Amino acid sequence: MRSVKMEHGVTPELSSCHTALIDGYVIEGHVPAADIKRLLEERPEVVGLTVPGMPHGSPGMETGRYDDYAVLTWQHEDRTPAIFSEYTHD
């Protein structure tokens, strides 16, 4: 998977435990399904979506604890992440 991550510009800062390729986009980590659906509907010019690390409360990480986290996008030329959506918990 490392070569797939590298080919698609998934830097260590953007990296997580899971990588998928969906309809031309990279989905990295525990990205909520609603964000993937939105990505595929809106089709922005980005490489994909990532939730770096493994934040508690993200899909697949339901541990009873909830971390605030952001779903990020990035582009090949400028890998500076931009926020696609945010999840906060009180």
PDB file of N, CA and C in Angstrom:
ATOM      1  N   MET A   1       0.822  -1.203   0.000  1.00  0.00           N
ATOM      2  CA  MET A   1       0.000   0.000   0.000  1.00  0.00           C
ATOM      3  C   MET A   1       0.861   1.260   0.000  1.00  0.00           C
ATOM      4  N   ARG A   2       2.076   1.138   0.503  1.00  0.00           N
ATOM      5  CA  ARG A   2       2.929   2.325   0.546  1.00  0.00           C
ATOM      6  C   ARG A   2       3.120   2.922  -0.849  1.00  0.00           C
ATOM      7  N   SER A   3       3.326   2.077  -1.852  1.00  0.00           N
ATOM      8  CA  SER A   3       3.535   2.596  -3.205  1.00  0.00           C
ATOM      9  C   SER A   3       2.269   3.277  -3.734  1.00  0.00           C
ATOM     10  N   VAL A   4       1.098   2.759  -3.392  1.00  0.00           N
ATOM     11  CA  VAL A   4      -0.161   3.392  -3.798  1.00  0.00           C
ATOM     12  C   VAL A   4      -0.279   4.758  -3.126  1.00  0.00           C
ATOM     13  N   LYS A   5       0.019   4.805  -1.831  1.00  0.00           N
ATOM     14  CA  LYS A   5      -0.033   6.087  -1.112  1.00  0.00           C
ATOM     15  C   LYS A   5       0.912   7.096  -1.751  1.00  0.00           C
ATOM     16  N   MET A   6       2.143   6.676  -2.021  1.00  0.00           N
ATOM     17  CA  MET A   6       3.133   7.583  -2.604  1.00  0.00           C
ATOM     18  C   MET A   6       2.703   8.063  -3.996  1.00  0.00           C
ATOM     19  N   GLU A   7       2.186   7.152  -4.812  1.00  0.00           N
ATOM     20  CA  GLU A   7       1.750   7.492  -6.164  1.00  0.00           C
ATOM     21  C   GLU A   7       0.657   8.549  -6.158  1.00  0.00           C
ATOM     22  N   HIS A   8      -0.180   8.536  -5.126  1.00  0.00           N
ATOM     23  CA  HIS A   8      -1.315   9.458  -5.067  1.00  0.00           C
ATOM     24  C   HIS A   8      -1.084  10.643  -4.127  1.00  0.00           C
ATOM     25  N   GLY A   9       0.145  10.835  -3.684  1.00  0.00           N
ATOM     26  CA  GLY A   9       0.471  12.018  -2.907  1.00  0.00           C
ATOM     27  C   GLY A   9       0.028  11.982  -1.468  1.00  0.00           C
ATOM     28  N   VAL A  10      -0.150  10.791  -0.920  1.00  0.00           N
ATOM     29  CA  VAL A  10      -0.510  10.672   0.493  1.00  0.00           C
ATOM     30  C   VAL A  10       0.779  10.761   1.304  1.00  0.00           C
ATOM     31  N   THR A  11       1.048  11.943   1.831  1.00  0.00           N
ATOM     32  CA  THR A  11       2.257  12.159   2.628  1.00  0.00           C
ATOM     33  C   THR A  11       2.072  11.548   4.019  1.00  0.00           C
ATOM     34  N   PRO A  12       3.146  11.403   4.779  1.00  0.00           N
ATOM     35  CA  PRO A  12       3.000  10.886   6.145  1.00  0.00           C
ATOM     36  C   PRO A  12       2.014  11.697   6.990  1.00  0.00           C
ATOM     37  N   GLU A  13       1.939  13.002   6.761  1.00  0.00           N
ATOM     38  CA  GLU A  13       1.017  13.858   7.516  1.00  0.00           C
ATOM     39  C   GLU A  13      -0.444  13.585   7.154  1.00  0.00           C
ATOM     40  N   LEU A  14      -0.687  13.107   5.952  1.00  0.00           N
ATOM     41  CA  LEU A  14      -2.040  12.807   5.489  1.00  0.00           C
ATOM     42  C   LEU A  14      -2.417  11.343   5.698  1.00  0.00           C
ATOM     43  N   SER A  15      -1.461  10.550   6.070  1.00  0.00           N
ATOM     44  CA  SER A  15      -1.620   9.106   6.104  1.00  0.00           C
ATOM     45  C   SER A  15      -2.458   8.595   7.274  1.00  0.00           C
ATOM     46  N   SER A  16      -3.051   7.439   7.034  1.00  0.00           N
ATOM     47  CA  SER A  16      -3.790   6.714   8.053  1.00  0.00           C
ATOM     48  C   SER A  16      -3.598   5.230   7.789  1.00  0.00           C
ATOM     49  N   CYS A  17      -4.479   4.417   8.330  1.00  0.00           N
ATOM     50  CA  CYS A  17      -4.315   2.962   8.279  1.00  0.00           C
ATOM     51  C   CYS A  17      -4.949   2.313   7.058  1.00  0.00           C
ATOM     52  N   HIS A  18      -5.879   2.964   6.391  1.00  0.00           N
ATOM     53  CA  HIS A  18      -6.597   2.367   5.266  1.00  0.00           C
ATOM     54  C   HIS A  18      -6.509   3.282   4.058  1.00  0.00           C
ATOM     55  N   THR A  19      -6.395   2.691   2.882  1.00  0.00           N
ATOM     56  CA  THR A  19      -6.361   3.456   1.632  1.00  0.00           C
ATOM     57  C   THR A  19      -7.288   2.788   0.634  1.00  0.00           C
ATOM     58  N   ALA A  20      -8.148   3.589   0.005  1.00  0.00           N
ATOM     59  CA  ALA A  20      -9.037   3.070  -1.037  1.00  0.00           C
ATOM     60  C   ALA A  20      -8.999   4.021  -2.229  1.00  0.00           C
ATOM     61  N   LEU A  21      -9.208   3.472  -3.407  1.00  0.00           N
ATOM     62  CA  LEU A  21      -9.338   4.267  -4.622  1.00  0.00           C
ATOM     63  C   LEU A  21     -10.770   4.099  -5.096  1.00  0.00           C
ATOM     64  N   ILE A  22     -11.491   5.233  -5.178  1.00  0.00           N
ATOM     65  CA  ILE A  22     -12.906   5.198  -5.554  1.00  0.00           C
ATOM     66  C   ILE A  22     -13.158   6.232  -6.646  1.00  0.00           C
ATOM     67  N   ASP A  23     -13.497   5.760  -7.812  1.00  0.00           N
ATOM     68  CA  ASP A  23     -13.890   6.629  -8.923  1.00  0.00           C
ATOM     69  C   ASP A  23     -12.897   7.761  -9.164  1.00  0.00           C
ATOM     70  N   GLY A  24     -11.617   7.425  -9.113  1.00  0.00           N
ATOM     71  CA  GLY A  24     -10.576   8.419  -9.385  1.00  0.00           C
ATOM     72  C   GLY A  24     -10.091   9.190  -8.180  1.00  0.00           C
ATOM     73  N   TYR A  25     -10.647   8.963  -7.018  1.00  0.00           N
ATOM     74  CA  TYR A  25     -10.243   9.651  -5.790  1.00  0.00           C
ATOM     75  C   TYR A  25      -9.594   8.676  -4.809  1.00  0.00           C
ATOM     76  N   VAL A  26      -8.728   9.224  -3.968  1.00  0.00           N
ATOM     77  CA  VAL A  26      -8.130   8.462  -2.873  1.00  0.00           C
ATOM     78  C   VAL A  26      -8.936   8.748  -1.616  1.00  0.00           C
ATOM     79  N   ILE A  27      -9.285   7.690  -0.894  1.00  0.00           N
ATOM     80  CA  ILE A  27      -9.934   7.824   0.407  1.00  0.00           C
ATOM     81  C   ILE A  27      -8.967   7.215   1.414  1.00  0.00           C
ATOM     82  N   GLU A  28      -8.498   8.024   2.331  1.00  0.00           N
ATOM     83  CA  GLU A  28      -7.460   7.614   3.274  1.00  0.00           C
ATOM     84  C   GLU A  28      -7.994   7.695   4.696  1.00  0.00           C
ATOM     85  N   GLY A  29      -8.000   6.561   5.366  1.00  0.00           N
ATOM     86  CA  GLY A  29      -8.393   6.549   6.771  1.00  0.00           C
ATOM     87  C   GLY A  29      -9.886   6.399   6.979  1.00  0.00           C
ATOM     88  N   HIS A  30     -10.328   6.811   8.146  1.00  0.00           N
ATOM     89  CA  HIS A  30     -11.702   6.607   8.616  1.00  0.00           C
ATOM     90  C   HIS A  30     -12.595   7.779   8.192  1.00  0.00           C
ATOM     91  N   VAL A  31     -12.808   7.914   6.894  1.00  0.00           N
ATOM     92  CA  VAL A  31     -13.617   9.000   6.328  1.00  0.00           C
ATOM     93  C   VAL A  31     -15.091   8.613   6.408  1.00  0.00           C
ATOM     94  N   PRO A  32     -15.946   9.480   6.958  1.00  0.00           N
ATOM     95  CA  PRO A  32     -17.376   9.187   7.009  1.00  0.00           C
ATOM     96  C   PRO A  32     -17.976   9.012   5.607  1.00  0.00           C
ATOM     97  N   ALA A  33     -18.919   8.085   5.496  1.00  0.00           N
ATOM     98  CA  ALA A  33     -19.565   7.794   4.212  1.00  0.00           C
ATOM     99  C   ALA A  33     -20.232   9.037   3.618  1.00  0.00           C
ATOM    100  N   ALA A  34     -20.808   9.883   4.452  1.00  0.00           N
ATOM    101  CA  ALA A  34     -21.467  11.102   3.948  1.00  0.00           C
ATOM    102  C   ALA A  34     -20.480  11.999   3.207  1.00  0.00           C
ATOM    103  N   ASP A  35     -19.242  12.046   3.676  1.00  0.00           N
ATOM    104  CA  ASP A  35     -18.231  12.869   3.000  1.00  0.00           C
ATOM    105  C   ASP A  35     -17.810  12.250   1.671  1.00  0.00           C
ATOM    106  N   ILE A  36     -17.735  10.935   1.618  1.00  0.00           N
ATOM    107  CA  ILE A  36     -17.411  10.264   0.359  1.00  0.00           C
ATOM    108  C   ILE A  36     -18.530  10.498  -0.655  1.00  0.00           C
ATOM    109  N   LYS A  37     -19.773  10.382  -0.224  1.00  0.00           N
ATOM    110  CA  LYS A  37     -20.910  10.640  -1.118  1.00  0.00           C
ATOM    111  C   LYS A  37     -20.872  12.075  -1.629  1.00  0.00           C
ATOM    112  N   ARG A  38     -20.594  13.030  -0.741  1.00  0.00           N
ATOM    113  CA  ARG A  38     -20.518  14.439  -1.148  1.00  0.00           C
ATOM    114  C   ARG A  38     -19.394  14.646  -2.160  1.00  0.00           C
ATOM    115  N   LEU A  39     -18.233  14.031  -1.911  1.00  0.00           N
ATOM    116  CA  LEU A  39     -17.102  14.131  -2.832  1.00  0.00           C
ATOM    117  C   LEU A  39     -17.508  13.640  -4.225  1.00  0.00           C
ATOM    118  N   LEU A  40     -18.174  12.506  -4.279  1.00  0.00           N
ATOM    119  CA  LEU A  40     -18.555  11.927  -5.564  1.00  0.00           C
ATOM    120  C   LEU A  40     -19.662  12.715  -6.254  1.00  0.00           C
ATOM    121  N   GLU A  41     -20.489  13.406  -5.501  1.00  0.00           N
ATOM    122  CA  GLU A  41     -21.530  14.261  -6.088  1.00  0.00           C
ATOM    123  C   GLU A  41     -20.948  15.576  -6.598  1.00  0.00           C
ATOM    124  N   GLU A  42     -20.085  16.204  -5.783  1.00  0.00           N
ATOM    125  CA  GLU A  42     -19.547  17.524  -6.131  1.00  0.00           C
ATOM    126  C   GLU A  42     -18.363  17.449  -7.093  1.00  0.00           C
ATOM    127  N   ARG A  43     -17.600  16.356  -7.045  1.00  0.00           N
ATOM    128  CA  ARG A  43     -16.438  16.125  -7.906  1.00  0.00           C
ATOM    129  C   ARG A  43     -15.446  17.287  -7.913  1.00  0.00           C
ATOM    130  N   PRO A  44     -14.981  17.755  -6.742  1.00  0.00           N
ATOM    131  CA  PRO A  44     -13.998  18.834  -6.719  1.00  0.00           C
ATOM    132  C   PRO A  44     -12.662  18.367  -7.303  1.00  0.00           C
ATOM    133  N   GLU A  45     -11.845  19.310  -7.712  1.00  0.00           N
ATOM    134  CA  GLU A  45     -10.534  18.980  -8.279  1.00  0.00           C
ATOM    135  C   GLU A  45      -9.525  18.799  -7.151  1.00  0.00           C
ATOM    136  N   VAL A  46      -9.621  17.670  -6.475  1.00  0.00           N
ATOM    137  CA  VAL A  46      -8.714  17.298  -5.398  1.00  0.00           C
ATOM    138  C   VAL A  46      -8.290  15.849  -5.626  1.00  0.00           C
ATOM    139  N   VAL A  47      -7.249  15.437  -4.926  1.00  0.00           N
ATOM    140  CA  VAL A  47      -6.802  14.048  -5.035  1.00  0.00           C
ATOM    141  C   VAL A  47      -7.763  13.126  -4.295  1.00  0.00           C
ATOM    142  N   GLY A  48      -8.211  13.576  -3.128  1.00  0.00           N
ATOM    143  CA  GLY A  48      -9.111  12.743  -2.348  1.00  0.00           C
ATOM    144  C   GLY A  48      -9.389  13.308  -0.980  1.00  0.00           C
ATOM    145  N   LEU A  49      -9.834  12.420  -0.091  1.00  0.00           N
ATOM    146  CA  LEU A  49     -10.176  12.780   1.283  1.00  0.00           C
ATOM    147  C   LEU A  49      -9.333  11.956   2.240  1.00  0.00           C
ATOM    148  N   THR A  50      -8.999  12.559   3.372  1.00  0.00           N
ATOM    149  CA  THR A  50      -8.265  11.840   4.402  1.00  0.00           C
ATOM    150  C   THR A  50      -8.705  12.278   5.788  1.00  0.00           C
ATOM    151  N   VAL A  51      -8.673  11.318   6.693  1.00  0.00           N
ATOM    152  CA  VAL A  51      -8.757  11.582   8.132  1.00  0.00           C
ATOM    153  C   VAL A  51      -7.456  11.013   8.691  1.00  0.00           C
ATOM    154  N   PRO A  52      -6.436  11.872   8.851  1.00  0.00           N
ATOM    155  CA  PRO A  52      -5.150  11.373   9.331  1.00  0.00           C
ATOM    156  C   PRO A  52      -5.267  10.740  10.720  1.00  0.00           C
ATOM    157  N   GLY A  53      -4.445   9.729  10.934  1.00  0.00           N
ATOM    158  CA  GLY A  53      -4.475   9.050  12.220  1.00  0.00           C
ATOM    159  C   GLY A  53      -5.728   8.209  12.353  1.00  0.00           C
ATOM    160  N   MET A  54      -6.106   7.957  13.576  1.00  0.00           N
ATOM    161  CA  MET A  54      -7.290   7.139  13.850  1.00  0.00           C
ATOM    162  C   MET A  54      -8.086   7.765  14.993  1.00  0.00           C
ATOM    163  N   PRO A  55      -8.756   8.901  14.739  1.00  0.00           N
ATOM    164  CA  PRO A  55      -9.458   9.580  15.827  1.00  0.00           C
ATOM    165  C   PRO A  55     -10.632   8.771  16.373  1.00  0.00           C
ATOM    166  N   HIS A  56     -10.758   8.773  17.673  1.00  0.00           N
ATOM    167  CA  HIS A  56     -11.889   8.104  18.330  1.00  0.00           C
ATOM    168  C   HIS A  56     -13.183   8.776  17.892  1.00  0.00           C
ATOM    169  N   GLY A  57     -14.193   7.955  17.603  1.00  0.00           N
ATOM    170  CA  GLY A  57     -15.489   8.476  17.184  1.00  0.00           C
ATOM    171  C   GLY A  57     -15.654   8.545  15.678  1.00  0.00           C
ATOM    172  N   SER A  58     -14.562   8.403  14.929  1.00  0.00           N
ATOM    173  CA  SER A  58     -14.686   8.348  13.472  1.00  0.00           C
ATOM    174  C   SER A  58     -15.208   6.963  13.090  1.00  0.00           C
ATOM    175  N   PRO A  59     -15.744   6.788  11.879  1.00  0.00           N
ATOM    176  CA  PRO A  59     -16.292   5.489  11.490  1.00  0.00           C
ATOM    177  C   PRO A  59     -15.266   4.364  11.675  1.00  0.00           C
ATOM    178  N   GLY A  60     -15.685   3.334  12.358  1.00  0.00           N
ATOM    179  CA  GLY A  60     -14.796   2.217  12.646  1.00  0.00           C
ATOM    180  C   GLY A  60     -13.992   2.386  13.916  1.00  0.00           C
ATOM    181  N   MET A  61     -14.053   3.556  14.513  1.00  0.00           N
ATOM    182  CA  MET A  61     -13.316   3.845  15.753  1.00  0.00           C
ATOM    183  C   MET A  61     -14.285   4.236  16.867  1.00  0.00           C
ATOM    184  N   GLU A  62     -15.441   3.575  16.905  1.00  0.00           N
ATOM    185  CA  GLU A  62     -16.448   3.861  17.919  1.00  0.00           C
ATOM    186  C   GLU A  62     -16.030   3.169  19.223  1.00  0.00           C
ATOM    187  N   THR A  63     -15.361   3.926  20.068  1.00  0.00           N
ATOM    188  CA  THR A  63     -14.814   3.376  21.316  1.00  0.00           C
ATOM    189  C   THR A  63     -15.523   3.915  22.553  1.00  0.00           C
ATOM    190  N   GLY A  64     -16.493   4.818  22.357  1.00  0.00           N
ATOM    191  CA  GLY A  64     -17.136   5.476  23.485  1.00  0.00           C
ATOM    192  C   GLY A  64     -16.500   6.821  23.783  1.00  0.00           C
ATOM    193  N   ARG A  65     -15.330   7.056  23.253  1.00  0.00           N
ATOM    194  CA  ARG A  65     -14.649   8.342  23.371  1.00  0.00           C
ATOM    195  C   ARG A  65     -14.785   9.054  22.026  1.00  0.00           C
ATOM    196  N   TYR A  66     -14.863  10.382  22.045  1.00  0.00           N
ATOM    197  CA  TYR A  66     -15.029  11.141  20.818  1.00  0.00           C
ATOM    198  C   TYR A  66     -13.984  12.234  20.730  1.00  0.00           C
ATOM    199  N   ASP A  67     -13.162  12.174  19.700  1.00  0.00           N
ATOM    200  CA  ASP A  67     -12.187  13.221  19.417  1.00  0.00           C
ATOM    201  C   ASP A  67     -12.761  14.134  18.341  1.00  0.00           C
ATOM    202  N   ASP A  68     -12.419  15.409  18.397  1.00  0.00           N
ATOM    203  CA  ASP A  68     -12.732  16.308  17.294  1.00  0.00           C
ATOM    204  C   ASP A  68     -11.764  15.964  16.159  1.00  0.00           C
ATOM    205  N   TYR A  69     -12.262  15.978  14.922  1.00  0.00           N
ATOM    206  CA  TYR A  69     -11.372  15.714  13.794  1.00  0.00           C
ATOM    207  C   TYR A  69     -11.921  16.383  12.537  1.00  0.00           C
ATOM    208  N   ALA A  70     -11.045  16.512  11.564  1.00  0.00           N
ATOM    209  CA  ALA A  70     -11.417  17.110  10.282  1.00  0.00           C
ATOM    210  C   ALA A  70     -11.151  16.112   9.167  1.00  0.00           C
ATOM    211  N   VAL A  71     -12.002  16.161   8.155  1.00  0.00           N
ATOM    212  CA  VAL A  71     -11.768  15.446   6.909  1.00  0.00           C
ATOM    213  C   VAL A  71     -11.073  16.447   5.995  1.00  0.00           C
ATOM    214  N   LEU A  72      -9.931  16.052   5.460  1.00  0.00           N
ATOM    215  CA  LEU A  72      -9.104  16.964   4.678  1.00  0.00           C
ATOM    216  C   LEU A  72      -9.045  16.550   3.216  1.00  0.00           C
ATOM    217  N   THR A  73      -8.770  17.525   2.357  1.00  0.00           N
ATOM    218  CA  THR A  73      -8.489  17.288   0.938  1.00  0.00           C
ATOM    219  C   THR A  73      -7.069  17.753   0.667  1.00  0.00           C
ATOM    220  N   TRP A  74      -6.541  17.379  -0.485  1.00  0.00           N
ATOM    221  CA  TRP A  74      -5.242  17.873  -0.926  1.00  0.00           C
ATOM    222  C   TRP A  74      -5.167  17.762  -2.439  1.00  0.00           C
ATOM    223  N   GLN A  75      -4.177  18.441  -3.012  1.00  0.00           N
ATOM    224  CA  GLN A  75      -3.973  18.406  -4.455  1.00  0.00           C
ATOM    225  C   GLN A  75      -2.560  17.911  -4.729  1.00  0.00           C
ATOM    226  N   HIS A  76      -2.333  17.417  -5.938  1.00  0.00           N
ATOM    227  CA  HIS A  76      -1.006  16.898  -6.278  1.00  0.00           C
ATOM    228  C   HIS A  76       0.054  17.993  -6.221  1.00  0.00           C
ATOM    229  N   GLU A  77      -0.252  19.170  -6.777  1.00  0.00           N
ATOM    230  CA  GLU A  77       0.741  20.239  -6.858  1.00  0.00           C
ATOM    231  C   GLU A  77       1.036  20.854  -5.488  1.00  0.00           C
ATOM    232  N   ASP A  78      -0.002  21.002  -4.701  1.00  0.00           N
ATOM    233  CA  ASP A  78       0.117  21.624  -3.385  1.00  0.00           C
ATOM    234  C   ASP A  78      -0.513  20.681  -2.378  1.00  0.00           C
ATOM    235  N   ARG A  79       0.313  19.992  -1.672  1.00  0.00           N
ATOM    236  CA  ARG A  79      -0.202  18.988  -0.738  1.00  0.00           C
ATOM    237  C   ARG A  79      -0.590  19.585   0.609  1.00  0.00           C
ATOM    238  N   THR A  80      -0.712  20.911   0.661  1.00  0.00           N
ATOM    239  CA  THR A  80      -1.196  21.555   1.875  1.00  0.00           C
ATOM    240  C   THR A  80      -2.662  21.165   2.044  1.00  0.00           C
ATOM    241  N   PRO A  81      -3.011  20.510   3.150  1.00  0.00           N
ATOM    242  CA  PRO A  81      -4.399  20.069   3.304  1.00  0.00           C
ATOM    243  C   PRO A  81      -5.374  21.228   3.484  1.00  0.00           C
ATOM    244  N   ALA A  82      -6.584  21.019   2.992  1.00  0.00           N
ATOM    245  CA  ALA A  82      -7.686  21.961   3.189  1.00  0.00           C
ATOM    246  C   ALA A  82      -8.817  21.189   3.863  1.00  0.00           C
ATOM    247  N   ILE A  83      -9.582  21.870   4.684  1.00  0.00           N
ATOM    248  CA  ILE A  83     -10.679  21.214   5.405  1.00  0.00           C
ATOM    249  C   ILE A  83     -11.874  21.016   4.477  1.00  0.00           C
ATOM    250  N   PHE A  84     -12.359  19.780   4.408  1.00  0.00           N
ATOM    251  CA  PHE A  84     -13.546  19.416   3.643  1.00  0.00           C
ATOM    252  C   PHE A  84     -14.766  19.416   4.565  1.00  0.00           C
ATOM    253  N   SER A  85     -14.596  18.889   5.764  1.00  0.00           N
ATOM    254  CA  SER A  85     -15.646  18.921   6.780  1.00  0.00           C
ATOM    255  C   SER A  85     -15.005  18.718   8.159  1.00  0.00           C
ATOM    256  N   GLU A  86     -15.736  19.108   9.195  1.00  0.00           N
ATOM    257  CA  GLU A  86     -15.243  18.985  10.556  1.00  0.00           C
ATOM    258  C   GLU A  86     -16.275  18.292  11.442  1.00  0.00           C
ATOM    259  N   TYR A  87     -15.783  17.523  12.381  1.00  0.00           N
ATOM    260  CA  TYR A  87     -16.625  16.820  13.344  1.00  0.00           C
ATOM    261  C   TYR A  87     -16.154  17.198  14.729  1.00  0.00           C
ATOM    262  N   THR A  88     -17.048  17.846  15.483  1.00  0.00           N
ATOM    263  CA  THR A  88     -16.706  18.248  16.850  1.00  0.00           C
ATOM    264  C   THR A  88     -17.709  17.625  17.805  1.00  0.00           C
ATOM    265  N   HIS A  89     -17.245  17.385  18.991  1.00  0.00           N
ATOM    266  CA  HIS A  89     -18.069  16.746  20.018  1.00  0.00           C
ATOM    267  C   HIS A  89     -17.894  17.507  21.321  1.00  0.00           C
ATOM    268  N   ASP A  90     -18.985  17.699  22.007  1.00  0.00           N
ATOM    269  CA  ASP A  90     -18.923  18.390  23.304  1.00  0.00           C
ATOM    270  C   ASP A  90     -18.854  17.395  24.434  1.00  0.00           C
TER     271      ASP A  90
END
